[in-house]
Structure formats: structure tokens, C-alpha cells
Amino acid sequence: MLGAVAAAVALLAASPVQGSVFGPIVSTSGTTFTITTSLSPNGRSVVSAGSARITEEVTAPRAALAVGACVMANGAKTSAGVVSAVRIAISAPVSGKCGAGFGGRFGRVPGGARPPRVNGGTPPAGGLPRPGNFGFAFGRVTKLSGSVLTVEGTDFLTKKATKTSVHFSAKTTLSETKIVETSAVQTKMCAFVRGTSTDKGKSVKATDVSLTPERGGTCTTRFRRPGG
């Protein structure tokens, strides 16, 4: 009886768990790469990406800001509620919807908080400080008038529909997400990986990999809940 229970526990422990990890890529080998991350028990995750959907963030032209595109904008919010964007990330809808990034169990910080920053240690308790006028918008572009976007989406916390005006300028950094091959995975890039793991993230079979460039020599995840 005890043997059967032990076998069942072992089988349960080995069952794949969905989740995510994030960090800088430190080595590659074929369709496998390794990231360093505090979200893994041993500080590293070996990622098998042979069957994964891989996307890369690249500089976007002004023309990519169009009605129907999905955007994630952040910057300063004016007293009128308009987000003056410092950065706008653009992507195409998937199955007609704008996705909110990745999430999961083995890469989650206790309590459901956002993942810690890597390559520079973890942020202080309570998260990274933000200015009181921090502005954020995520969703589909439903109107474009001059240098102002109307972005409609859903609030991550309340699940209520949102409509936000986003102003952009020549100083706004524009980026877009493109599907790429595994050959695009290189060291000195940052990877956000969604997939399954049987060892709490030490090794991950990826279903989705999002590549972004390092900024200032570090990786900081932009896949966060606004206000989280």
C-alpha cells in the first residue's frame, strides 16, 4: 500500500506544470538555450524551444501604429487621463484578440506579484518605485487621429472595459513583435518563456518564447500588470 502511495506521489511530482520564466540568454545549442533567472530553484532554466512559437521585439516604423493593432504603452499620465507615451510595443492580434503577455505557476512570485528583476537583483519589497503620474494602456487601437491613439482593452484587475487616449511623439520608442526562427535566439538577449516543466522551472519545454533586447545591459520584464 505504501509503495503504491509513493509511486502515485512520484508520478504527481513529475506531472508537467504550466508556467513561465524570464531572464537573459547566456548560452545556446541548437534549439535549446539557457537563461539565468531567480524564478528557477537553481538560478537557471534550460529551455527546449524546438516546437515553440518564437517572437522578437524589433524597432517599428510609424506606419505600424494603425487601427486594429494591439499596443502596450507606458509613460506619464496627464491630469486629463491621457498617457504621454515613452514607449509603445505593437503586436498583431492573435485569433482576433490582444493577449496580455504570459503567466504561470512555476515562475510566479509568492502572492501573485510580478516576477523580480534579473541581472540586477530583485526589486525592493513592494516592487519598483513608479512616479505618481505613471500611465499605462493596453489593448486594440480603435482610432488614430494625428499623434493620438484611442486604445480599448480590459482592466487586468477589475476586468472592466477601458478606453485610453495615448499621445506619442518623435521621442516615443516604437517596437513591434515579429515571428522568427530559433536561429534568432542569441546570447545577450532577454527571453520570456511560457511552457511546461516537471522540475519547477529548471528545465522548460517552451510553447512560446518572446525575445527582447537588453536595455542598459540588463533584462527587466515589461510583462506586468499595470499598478501591480
Foldseek 3Di string as FASTA:
>chain_A
DVVVVVVVVVVVLQDKFWWKFKAFWDDDDVQWTKGAGPLAPVRMEIERPPQAFEKEKDFDDPVLPDAQKKKKFKAFADPVRAHAGQEIEIEHADVSFFDLDTGTDLRADPPRADGAWPPVDGDPPPHDDDDPRIDIATAGFHDDDPQKTWGWDAQPPPRHIDIHIYGYDPNHTYIYMDTDDSVVDDGQKMKMFIAIDSRSRNYGHGHYIYIYHADPSTDDDPSHRVVD
